[in-house]
């Protein structure tokens, strides 16, 4: 399983399952919002229209989630039984991973190999992991004395809303839904507009695997309508969001204007990959460029800033340009493709704009250009770009969300750290060195939630993922993620 090789993926499109409305209370319903008209970035073909969720549809989903939570068919299950249901969901998703991966590849242009072998593997592993963790959560009984008993219990928050992005649509959904369900909550997911079909199918699969009606709802719709309705809903207890800083901060406002719900934010990044003088430059540059171009550069952790000693910048630029030349976009449904399509024409134009403006800002485009690539007529394709930049240049400051690598020279370690920490973001960083003392000192000074040393984008479900500064403060993955979706209750019993 999880192999894209040997399949006629184009021939399988006609057999796909597409849903045309929200998934509420265990079934597909008619949405009453403005329809979502979607196109496949691979070739511009129209995808089936979705009747989007209106504020009334969102309210119905939240009421369904609340009813399911209060009735307790899932929320009051023994933790081991909740874990069994989550493991059953994992197996059901595994069984239909090909179908889900093909939907992802069609919706956002991800290469089918990555959609299946990376994303779907991650989704299945996530549900399995939290299924195994559900009965491993320990309450507390502090020592208080002979005449009293104190209990500190971890209890589900209630109704959790999750607003997720399109770049890793089902991975991000699983990272939020699985720990929320493991704790006993009900959830309402608002997927990104581009990737709503895959989210709807995931919810249906989970229901068939044993999740009771109302425990997992999906409300596809426009962010300003369905997303805002979730943010302002007075019966949502917790909201978790991954996306842009601008939209994330709006959810804080929605919370303040409604019931003061907890809002957990992961808001993107501008990852610095810092190469110290003793490091293997070729290895570091190639891994950084690959990390920047992966998923068409559409990653919040994309290693879009490469920091190298000034004397070695020309060498680093040459290596990065060679990686870019080997990373041409191709048909996402070809299992051999490593770089697929950009999610939309609008996003492609945004990326191209950064490259187009770079020379006016004083930067130098070393590889690539602002021109779109004609891979398949009607598709949205863009080749990687490598730019010699200074820290003040736009391409070195702003999150581009595309395959654009800025190569920046530094003079000494203090200068390198000033540059690395010199953006509003603090999600991730990479550090390259064989000097253990330097690694320890420098990693402590990098202001990032995740620091990779001599590698990039490594980890597993046991470690938390999230940032600091403008990248937000929410944590996905690991047991720490469950903390977001639970309340601590103190019970003091007088035994005197």
Protein backbone atom coordinates (compact mmCIF):
# COMPACT_ATOMS: atom_id res chain seq x y z
CA UNK A 1 0.00 0.00 0.00
CA UNK A 2 0.99 3.66 -0.32
CA UNK A 3 2.66 3.21 -3.70
CA UNK A 4 1.63 5.43 -6.61
CA UNK A 5 3.56 3.38 -9.17
CA UNK A 6 1.85 1.30 -11.83
CA UNK A 7 -1.54 3.04 -11.70
CA UNK A 8 -3.45 4.85 -14.45
CA UNK A 9 -4.41 7.78 -12.26
CA UNK A 10 -5.98 9.81 -15.07
CA UNK A 11 -8.18 6.84 -15.94
CA UNK A 12 -9.41 6.63 -12.35
CA UNK A 13 -10.81 10.18 -12.21
CA UNK A 14 -14.26 9.22 -13.51
CA UNK A 15 -14.69 6.72 -10.67
CA UNK A 16 -14.09 9.29 -7.93
CA UNK A 17 -16.70 10.11 -5.30
CA UNK A 18 -17.60 13.82 -5.16
CA UNK A 19 -19.98 15.24 -2.56
CA UNK A 20 -22.04 18.35 -3.23
CA UNK A 21 -22.79 19.77 0.21
CA UNK A 22 -21.84 19.89 3.91
CA UNK A 23 -21.52 16.72 5.99
CA UNK A 24 -23.69 17.31 9.06
CA UNK A 25 -25.05 14.86 11.61
CA UNK A 26 -23.68 11.87 9.74
CA UNK A 27 -24.89 12.66 6.21
CA UNK A 28 -24.47 15.01 3.26
CA UNK A 29 -26.98 17.87 3.35
CA UNK A 30 -27.86 20.72 1.02
CA UNK A 31 -25.83 23.85 1.69
CA UNK A 32 -27.53 27.22 1.41
CA UNK A 33 -24.51 29.44 0.78
CA UNK A 34 -23.03 30.71 -2.47
CA UNK A 35 -21.74 27.64 -4.34
CA UNK A 36 -18.07 26.74 -4.44
CA UNK A 37 -16.96 26.56 -8.08
CA UNK A 38 -13.67 24.70 -8.16
CA UNK A 39 -11.12 23.96 -10.87
CA UNK A 40 -8.29 21.45 -11.02
CA UNK A 41 -4.90 23.23 -11.21
CA UNK A 42 -3.54 20.31 -13.24
CA UNK A 43 -5.47 21.29 -16.39
CA UNK A 44 -8.10 23.87 -15.41
CA UNK A 45 -10.96 21.38 -15.65
CA UNK A 46 -14.06 22.21 -13.65
CA UNK A 47 -14.59 20.06 -10.57
CA UNK A 48 -18.11 19.32 -9.27
CA UNK A 49 -19.74 22.32 -7.62
CA UNK A 50 -20.34 22.23 -3.87
CA UNK A 51 -23.40 23.85 -2.31
CA UNK A 52 -21.46 25.78 0.33
CA UNK A 53 -22.41 26.18 3.96
CA UNK A 54 -24.30 29.29 5.00
CA UNK A 55 -24.24 30.65 8.59
CA UNK A 56 -27.41 28.64 9.17
CA UNK A 57 -25.70 25.47 7.95
CA UNK A 58 -22.76 26.14 10.25
CA UNK A 59 -25.19 26.59 13.14
CA UNK A 60 -26.81 23.25 12.29
CA UNK A 61 -23.38 21.57 12.31
CA UNK A 62 -22.46 23.09 15.67
CA UNK A 63 -25.83 22.08 17.14
CA UNK A 64 -25.29 18.55 15.83
CA UNK A 65 -21.82 18.46 17.41
CA UNK A 66 -23.18 19.76 20.72
CA UNK A 67 -26.01 17.24 20.76
CA UNK A 68 -23.60 14.39 20.05
CA UNK A 69 -21.27 15.59 22.79
CA UNK A 70 -24.03 16.00 25.37
CA UNK A 71 -25.65 12.66 24.60
CA UNK A 72 -22.28 11.03 25.18
CA UNK A 73 -22.39 8.12 22.75
CA UNK A 74 -18.76 8.95 21.89
CA UNK A 75 -17.68 11.55 24.47
CA UNK A 76 -18.44 9.27 27.44
CA UNK A 77 -16.98 6.13 25.94
CA UNK A 78 -14.16 4.59 27.91
CA UNK A 79 -10.92 6.01 26.51
CA UNK A 80 -9.84 2.59 25.25
CA UNK A 81 -13.08 2.38 23.24
CA UNK A 82 -12.60 5.85 21.77
CA UNK A 83 -9.11 4.75 20.82
CA UNK A 84 -10.49 1.65 19.11
CA UNK A 85 -12.84 3.81 17.01
CA UNK A 86 -9.95 6.05 15.96
CA UNK A 87 -7.90 3.02 14.96
CA UNK A 88 -10.87 1.77 12.95
CA UNK A 89 -10.98 5.17 11.23
CA UNK A 90 -7.28 4.80 10.40
CA UNK A 91 -7.86 1.42 8.80
CA UNK A 92 -10.86 2.69 6.83
CA UNK A 93 -8.83 5.65 5.54
CA UNK A 94 -6.00 3.26 4.66
CA UNK A 95 -8.41 1.18 2.59
CA UNK A 96 -9.47 4.22 0.53
CA UNK A 97 -6.16 6.08 0.51
CA UNK A 98 -5.87 5.91 -3.29
CA UNK A 99 -9.19 7.70 -3.73
CA UNK A 100 -8.40 10.40 -1.18
CA UNK A 101 -4.93 10.96 -2.67
CA UNK A 102 -6.35 11.35 -6.16
CA UNK A 103 -8.83 13.95 -4.89
CA UNK A 104 -5.98 15.88 -3.26
CA UNK A 105 -3.91 15.77 -6.45
CA UNK A 106 -6.86 17.06 -8.47
CA UNK A 107 -7.88 19.74 -5.99
CA UNK A 108 -4.52 21.37 -5.24
CA UNK A 109 -2.03 20.02 -7.78
CA UNK A 110 0.11 17.95 -5.41
CA UNK A 111 2.01 15.14 -7.20
CA UNK A 112 0.07 11.90 -6.79
CA UNK A 113 3.16 10.21 -5.39
CA UNK A 114 3.37 12.75 -2.57
CA UNK A 115 -0.39 12.80 -2.03
CA UNK A 116 -0.44 9.04 -1.52
CA UNK A 117 2.95 8.05 -0.19
CA UNK A 118 3.49 11.06 2.09
CA UNK A 119 0.18 12.74 2.91
CA UNK A 120 -2.08 9.71 3.17
CA UNK A 121 0.55 7.80 5.12
CA UNK A 122 0.69 10.73 7.56
CA UNK A 123 -3.11 10.83 7.92
CA UNK A 124 -3.37 7.11 8.66
CA UNK A 125 -0.46 7.26 11.12
CA UNK A 126 -2.01 10.23 12.91
CA UNK A 127 -5.36 8.53 13.54
CA UNK A 128 -3.57 5.34 14.60
CA UNK A 129 -1.25 7.20 16.96
CA UNK A 130 -4.01 9.08 18.77
CA UNK A 131 -6.06 5.90 18.81
CA UNK A 132 -3.22 4.27 20.71
CA UNK A 133 -2.76 7.33 22.95
CA UNK A 134 -6.42 7.75 23.96
CA UNK A 135 -6.17 5.54 27.07
CA UNK A 136 -2.66 6.67 28.02
CA UNK A 137 -3.68 10.07 29.44
CA UNK A 138 -3.17 10.20 33.19
CA UNK A 139 -5.13 12.31 35.70
CA UNK A 140 -3.56 13.63 38.91
CA UNK A 141 -4.16 13.22 42.61
CA UNK A 142 -1.91 15.69 44.45
CA UNK A 143 -0.89 14.81 47.99
CA UNK A 144 -2.97 17.10 50.25
CA UNK A 145 -3.08 15.41 53.66
CA UNK A 146 -5.08 12.79 55.54
CA UNK A 147 -8.32 14.79 55.80
CA UNK A 148 -8.82 15.64 52.10
CA UNK A 149 -8.55 14.20 48.61
CA UNK A 150 -7.74 16.34 45.58
CA UNK A 151 -8.39 15.17 42.01
CA UNK A 152 -7.22 16.94 38.84
CA UNK A 153 -9.02 15.45 35.86
CA UNK A 154 -8.62 16.16 32.16
CA UNK A 155 -12.01 16.57 30.50
CA UNK A 156 -13.02 17.23 26.87
CA UNK A 157 -13.75 20.88 26.09
CA UNK A 158 -16.93 20.11 24.09
CA UNK A 159 -17.30 21.38 20.53
CA UNK A 160 -14.06 21.98 18.63
CA UNK A 161 -13.96 23.94 15.36
CA UNK A 162 -10.99 23.37 13.04
CA UNK A 163 -10.24 25.67 10.11
CA UNK A 164 -7.60 24.05 7.93
CA UNK A 165 -5.50 25.04 4.87
CA UNK A 166 -5.22 23.56 1.39
CA UNK A 167 -1.50 22.77 1.17
CA UNK A 168 -1.65 19.58 3.26
CA UNK A 169 -5.42 19.39 3.50
CA UNK A 170 -5.96 16.01 5.14
CA UNK A 171 -2.73 15.98 7.15
CA UNK A 172 -3.71 19.26 8.80
CA UNK A 173 -7.26 17.97 9.33
CA UNK A 174 -5.97 14.80 10.97
CA UNK A 175 -3.53 16.71 13.18
CA UNK A 176 -6.46 18.65 14.64
CA UNK A 177 -9.36 16.19 14.49
CA UNK A 178 -7.59 13.09 15.85
CA UNK A 179 -6.40 14.56 19.18
CA UNK A 180 -9.72 16.37 19.65
CA UNK A 181 -11.59 13.10 19.18
CA UNK A 182 -9.14 11.16 21.35
CA UNK A 183 -10.07 13.50 24.22
CA UNK A 184 -13.80 12.94 23.61
CA UNK A 185 -14.81 16.13 21.81
CA UNK A 186 -17.07 16.59 18.80
CA UNK A 187 -15.62 18.52 15.85
CA UNK A 188 -16.72 20.80 13.03
CA UNK A 189 -14.15 21.22 10.26
CA UNK A 190 -14.13 24.12 7.82
CA UNK A 191 -11.80 22.97 4.99
CA UNK A 192 -10.10 25.32 2.58
CA UNK A 193 -12.27 26.08 -0.43
CA UNK A 194 -9.82 24.44 -2.84
CA UNK A 195 -9.76 21.12 -0.99
CA UNK A 196 -13.31 20.57 0.24
CA UNK A 197 -14.06 17.38 -1.70
CA UNK A 198 -11.33 15.39 0.06
CA UNK A 199 -12.46 16.63 3.48
CA UNK A 200 -16.05 15.59 2.81
CA UNK A 201 -14.98 12.11 1.77
CA UNK A 202 -12.79 11.79 4.87
CA UNK A 203 -15.78 12.60 7.11
CA UNK A 204 -17.94 10.04 5.33
CA UNK A 205 -15.26 7.36 5.69
CA UNK A 206 -14.91 8.17 9.41
CA UNK A 207 -18.67 7.86 9.91
CA UNK A 208 -18.77 4.49 8.17
CA UNK A 209 -15.87 3.38 10.38
CA UNK A 210 -17.89 3.96 13.55
CA UNK A 211 -17.91 7.64 14.53
CA UNK A 212 -21.48 8.44 15.67
CA UNK A 213 -23.51 11.06 13.83
CA UNK A 214 -22.57 14.59 14.82
CA UNK A 215 -19.12 13.76 16.13
CA UNK A 216 -17.33 14.75 12.89
CA UNK A 217 -18.97 17.43 10.73
CA UNK A 218 -17.56 19.26 7.68
CA UNK A 219 -18.85 22.65 6.52
CA UNK A 220 -17.23 23.59 3.17
CA UNK A 221 -17.72 27.20 2.31
CA UNK A 222 -16.26 30.65 1.85
CA UNK A 223 -13.95 31.78 4.62
CA UNK A 224 -15.70 35.09 5.17
CA UNK A 225 -18.99 33.25 5.63
CA UNK A 226 -18.53 29.73 7.00
CA UNK A 227 -15.21 30.43 8.71
CA UNK A 228 -16.47 33.58 10.34
CA UNK A 229 -19.68 31.84 11.43
CA UNK A 230 -17.59 29.25 13.27
CA UNK A 231 -15.38 31.93 14.79
CA UNK A 232 -18.37 33.87 16.10
CA UNK A 233 -20.52 30.91 17.13
CA UNK A 234 -21.32 31.10 20.85
CA UNK A 235 -21.47 27.31 21.24
CA UNK A 236 -17.99 26.55 19.89
CA UNK A 237 -15.68 25.97 22.85
CA UNK A 238 -12.30 25.80 21.07
CA UNK A 239 -11.19 26.88 17.60
CA UNK A 240 -7.93 25.75 16.00
CA UNK A 241 -6.65 27.41 12.84
CA UNK A 242 -3.76 27.00 10.42
CA UNK A 243 -3.33 29.69 7.78
CA UNK A 244 -2.22 33.26 7.22
CA UNK A 245 -1.52 35.73 10.03
CA UNK A 246 -4.17 38.11 8.68
CA UNK A 247 -6.98 35.56 8.87
CA UNK A 248 -5.74 34.03 12.11
CA UNK A 249 -5.92 37.37 13.88
CA UNK A 250 -9.47 37.81 12.66
CA UNK A 251 -10.41 34.69 14.58
CA UNK A 252 -9.11 36.31 17.75
CA UNK A 253 -11.50 39.17 17.04
CA UNK A 254 -14.38 36.77 16.38
CA UNK A 255 -13.68 35.11 19.71
CA UNK A 256 -13.58 38.42 21.57
CA UNK A 257 -16.86 39.48 19.98
CA UNK A 258 -18.64 36.24 20.89
CA UNK A 259 -18.00 33.88 23.78
CA UNK A 260 -14.25 34.27 24.32
CA UNK A 261 -13.56 30.78 22.95
CA UNK A 262 -9.98 29.58 23.01
CA UNK A 263 -8.29 30.12 19.65
CA UNK A 264 -5.14 28.20 18.75
CA UNK A 265 -3.19 29.64 15.84
CA UNK A 266 -0.47 28.35 13.51
CA UNK A 267 0.25 31.24 11.16
CA UNK A 268 2.96 30.38 8.70
CA UNK A 269 6.65 31.09 8.57
CA UNK A 270 9.76 32.24 6.79
CA UNK A 271 12.20 29.48 7.66
CA UNK A 272 15.89 30.31 7.83
CA UNK A 273 18.34 27.54 6.95
CA UNK A 274 21.58 28.65 8.58
CA UNK A 275 24.81 27.10 7.25
CA UNK A 276 27.75 27.53 9.61
CA UNK A 277 31.27 27.77 8.14
CA UNK A 278 32.26 24.19 9.04
CA UNK A 279 29.19 22.57 7.46
CA UNK A 280 29.05 20.45 4.30
CA UNK A 281 27.87 23.23 1.99
CA UNK A 282 26.73 20.97 -0.85
CA UNK A 283 24.58 18.83 1.44
CA UNK A 284 23.11 21.84 3.24
CA UNK A 285 22.25 23.78 0.09
CA UNK A 286 20.69 20.80 -1.68
CA UNK A 287 18.55 19.90 1.33
CA UNK A 288 17.50 23.52 1.78
CA UNK A 289 16.58 23.94 -1.88
CA UNK A 290 14.63 20.68 -1.84
CA UNK A 291 12.85 21.88 1.30
CA UNK A 292 11.98 25.15 -0.41
CA UNK A 293 10.67 23.57 -3.62
CA UNK A 294 8.82 20.64 -2.02
CA UNK A 295 5.03 20.74 -2.46
CA UNK A 296 5.63 23.51 -4.99
CA UNK A 297 6.94 25.66 -2.13
CA UNK A 298 3.46 25.73 -0.63
CA UNK A 299 4.49 24.97 2.95
CA UNK A 300 4.50 27.10 6.07
CA UNK A 301 7.88 25.54 6.93
CA UNK A 302 9.34 26.00 3.43
CA UNK A 303 13.08 26.65 3.81
CA UNK A 304 12.85 29.81 1.76
CA UNK A 305 15.89 31.62 3.26
CA UNK A 306 19.36 30.11 2.90
CA UNK A 307 21.97 31.88 5.03
CA UNK A 308 25.61 31.20 4.10
CA UNK A 309 29.00 32.78 4.86
CA UNK A 310 29.57 35.70 2.51
CA UNK A 311 32.67 34.13 0.96
CA UNK A 312 30.63 31.09 -0.11
CA UNK A 313 27.46 32.69 -1.42
CA UNK A 314 28.39 32.35 -5.11
CA UNK A 315 29.09 28.65 -4.59
CA UNK A 316 25.77 28.23 -2.77
CA UNK A 317 23.91 30.02 -5.55
CA UNK A 318 25.43 27.69 -8.14
CA UNK A 319 24.37 24.57 -6.21
CA UNK A 320 20.86 25.92 -5.59
CA UNK A 321 20.44 26.82 -9.25
CA UNK A 322 21.36 23.25 -10.21
CA UNK A 323 18.68 21.89 -7.87
CA UNK A 324 16.16 24.29 -9.37
CA UNK A 325 17.04 23.12 -12.89
CA UNK A 326 16.32 19.53 -11.82
CA UNK A 327 12.97 20.47 -10.28
CA UNK A 328 10.86 21.35 -13.28
CA UNK A 329 7.07 21.01 -12.81
CA UNK A 330 5.26 18.15 -14.53
CA UNK A 331 1.90 16.38 -14.62
CA UNK A 332 0.76 15.77 -11.01
CA UNK A 333 -0.88 12.49 -12.02
CA UNK A 334 2.37 11.01 -13.33
CA UNK A 335 3.84 8.92 -10.48
CA UNK A 336 7.35 10.05 -11.52
CA UNK A 337 6.54 13.75 -10.96
CA UNK A 338 8.25 15.50 -8.07
CA UNK A 339 6.84 19.00 -8.59
CA UNK A 340 3.21 19.46 -9.58
CA UNK A 341 0.95 22.45 -10.15
CA UNK A 342 0.38 25.60 -8.11
CA UNK A 343 -3.01 25.47 -6.37
CA UNK A 344 -4.60 28.26 -8.44
CA UNK A 345 -3.90 30.93 -11.03
CA UNK A 346 -4.30 33.53 -8.30
CA UNK A 347 -1.60 31.93 -6.17
CA UNK A 348 0.66 31.51 -9.21
CA UNK A 349 0.37 35.19 -10.02
CA UNK A 350 1.16 36.09 -6.42
CA UNK A 351 4.34 33.99 -6.55
CA UNK A 352 5.31 35.41 -9.94
CA UNK A 353 4.85 38.92 -8.59
CA UNK A 354 7.57 38.40 -5.98
CA UNK A 355 10.02 37.19 -8.63
CA UNK A 356 9.05 39.99 -11.02
CA UNK A 357 9.61 42.69 -8.39
CA UNK A 358 12.85 41.25 -7.01
CA UNK A 359 15.23 43.15 -9.38
CA UNK A 360 13.45 46.43 -8.65
CA UNK A 361 14.15 45.78 -4.97
CA UNK A 362 17.86 45.24 -5.65
CA UNK A 363 17.85 41.44 -5.61
CA UNK A 364 19.26 39.29 -8.41
CA UNK A 365 17.35 36.41 -10.02
CA UNK A 366 19.89 33.63 -10.56
CA UNK A 367 17.55 30.83 -11.71
CA UNK A 368 13.94 30.74 -12.84
CA UNK A 369 11.71 33.59 -13.92
CA UNK A 370 8.27 35.09 -13.37
CA UNK A 371 6.81 33.27 -16.37
CA UNK A 372 4.34 30.41 -15.94
CA UNK A 373 5.23 27.05 -17.47
CA UNK A 374 2.99 25.39 -20.07
CA UNK A 375 3.02 21.79 -18.87
CA UNK A 376 -0.63 20.91 -19.53
CA UNK A 377 -2.93 23.44 -21.25
CA UNK A 378 -5.05 25.23 -18.68
CA UNK A 379 -2.81 24.19 -15.78
CA UNK A 380 -1.04 26.38 -13.20
CA UNK A 381 2.67 25.57 -13.35
CA UNK A 382 5.65 27.53 -12.06
CA UNK A 383 9.33 26.59 -12.06
CA UNK A 384 11.54 27.17 -8.99
CA UNK A 385 13.43 30.43 -8.68
CA UNK A 386 16.70 31.17 -6.87
CA UNK A 387 17.41 34.76 -5.88
CA UNK A 388 20.49 36.43 -4.43
CA UNK A 389 18.95 38.69 -1.80
CA UNK A 390 19.67 40.86 1.18
CA UNK A 391 17.69 40.59 4.44
CA UNK A 392 15.81 43.82 3.67
CA UNK A 393 14.48 42.63 0.31
CA UNK A 394 10.81 41.71 -0.02
CA UNK A 395 11.55 38.14 -1.10
CA UNK A 396 13.62 37.64 2.06
CA UNK A 397 10.96 39.05 4.41
CA UNK A 398 7.54 37.97 3.16
CA UNK A 399 6.06 34.49 3.13
CA UNK A 400 5.76 33.73 -0.60
CA UNK A 401 4.20 30.25 -0.37
CA UNK A 402 5.86 29.21 -3.59
CA UNK A 403 9.14 27.69 -4.85
CA UNK A 404 11.30 30.80 -4.43
CA UNK A 405 14.60 30.51 -2.55
CA UNK A 406 16.45 33.57 -1.26
CA UNK A 407 20.18 33.07 -0.74
CA UNK A 408 21.52 35.55 1.81
CA UNK A 409 25.13 36.19 2.85
CA UNK A 410 26.17 36.84 6.46
CA UNK A 411 29.40 38.18 7.93
CA UNK A 412 29.64 36.46 11.34
CA UNK A 413 27.50 34.43 13.73
CA UNK A 414 25.84 37.43 15.35
CA UNK A 415 24.97 38.77 11.91
CA UNK A 416 23.58 35.37 10.90
CA UNK A 417 21.38 35.17 13.99
CA UNK A 418 20.16 38.72 13.50
CA UNK A 419 19.10 37.82 9.96
CA UNK A 420 17.60 34.46 10.92
CA UNK A 421 15.50 36.01 13.70
CA UNK A 422 14.81 39.19 11.75
CA UNK A 423 11.32 38.47 10.41
CA UNK A 424 7.92 38.52 12.09
CA UNK A 425 7.78 34.71 11.88
CA UNK A 426 9.14 32.03 14.18
CA UNK A 427 7.81 28.69 13.02
CA UNK A 428 10.90 26.68 12.04
CA UNK A 429 14.61 26.94 11.35
CA UNK A 430 17.39 24.65 10.16
CA UNK A 431 21.00 24.63 11.31
CA UNK A 432 23.94 23.00 9.54
CA UNK A 433 27.18 22.26 11.41
CA UNK A 434 29.31 19.37 12.68
CA UNK A 435 30.42 21.41 15.72
CA UNK A 436 28.30 20.07 18.60
CA UNK A 437 29.05 23.03 20.85
CA UNK A 438 28.03 25.48 18.13
CA UNK A 439 24.88 23.49 17.37
CA UNK A 440 23.82 23.63 21.00
CA UNK A 441 24.55 27.33 21.43
CA UNK A 442 23.11 28.51 18.14
CA UNK A 443 19.95 26.39 18.23
CA UNK A 444 19.09 27.95 21.59
CA UNK A 445 19.37 31.42 20.04
CA UNK A 446 17.14 30.68 17.04
CA UNK A 447 13.64 31.98 17.78
CA UNK A 448 11.60 29.16 16.28
CA UNK A 449 9.24 26.51 17.50
CA UNK A 450 11.10 23.78 15.59
CA UNK A 451 14.83 23.61 14.83
CA UNK A 452 16.20 20.90 12.52
CA UNK A 453 19.93 20.19 12.77
CA UNK A 454 21.72 18.73 9.73
CA UNK A 455 18.35 17.72 8.25
CA UNK A 456 15.11 19.31 7.19
CA UNK A 457 11.40 18.58 7.82
CA UNK A 458 12.15 15.52 9.94
CA UNK A 459 10.10 14.25 12.88
CA UNK A 460 7.23 11.98 13.85
CA UNK A 461 3.97 12.04 15.81
CA UNK A 462 5.75 12.09 19.17
CA UNK A 463 7.02 15.68 18.84
CA UNK A 464 4.97 18.90 18.92
CA UNK A 465 4.79 21.20 15.91
CA UNK A 466 4.18 24.93 16.13
CA UNK A 467 5.84 28.31 16.33
CA UNK A 468 6.50 31.51 18.23
CA UNK A 469 6.20 35.22 17.44
CA UNK A 470 4.00 35.94 14.41
CA UNK A 471 3.79 32.23 13.58
CA UNK A 472 1.31 31.75 16.41
CA UNK A 473 1.36 29.59 19.50
CA UNK A 474 -0.74 26.50 18.75
CA UNK A 475 0.87 23.06 18.86
CA UNK A 476 -0.12 20.13 16.67
CA UNK A 477 1.07 16.50 17.04
CA UNK A 478 2.24 14.71 20.20
CA UNK A 479 0.39 14.44 23.49
CA UNK A 480 0.72 18.21 23.86
CA UNK A 481 -1.87 18.69 21.11
CA UNK A 482 -4.51 17.12 23.34
CA UNK A 483 -4.01 19.92 25.87
CA UNK A 484 -5.65 22.36 23.44
CA UNK A 485 -8.89 20.41 23.48
CA UNK A 486 -9.25 19.62 27.18
CA UNK A 487 -10.09 21.39 30.43
CA UNK A 488 -8.54 20.66 33.80
CA UNK A 489 -11.10 20.16 36.56
CA UNK A 490 -10.14 20.29 40.21
CA UNK A 491 -12.27 18.29 42.67
CA UNK A 492 -11.55 18.76 46.36
CA UNK A 493 -13.12 16.19 48.71
CA UNK A 494 -13.28 16.83 52.44
CA UNK A 495 -12.51 13.58 54.29
CA UNK A 496 -12.46 14.98 57.82
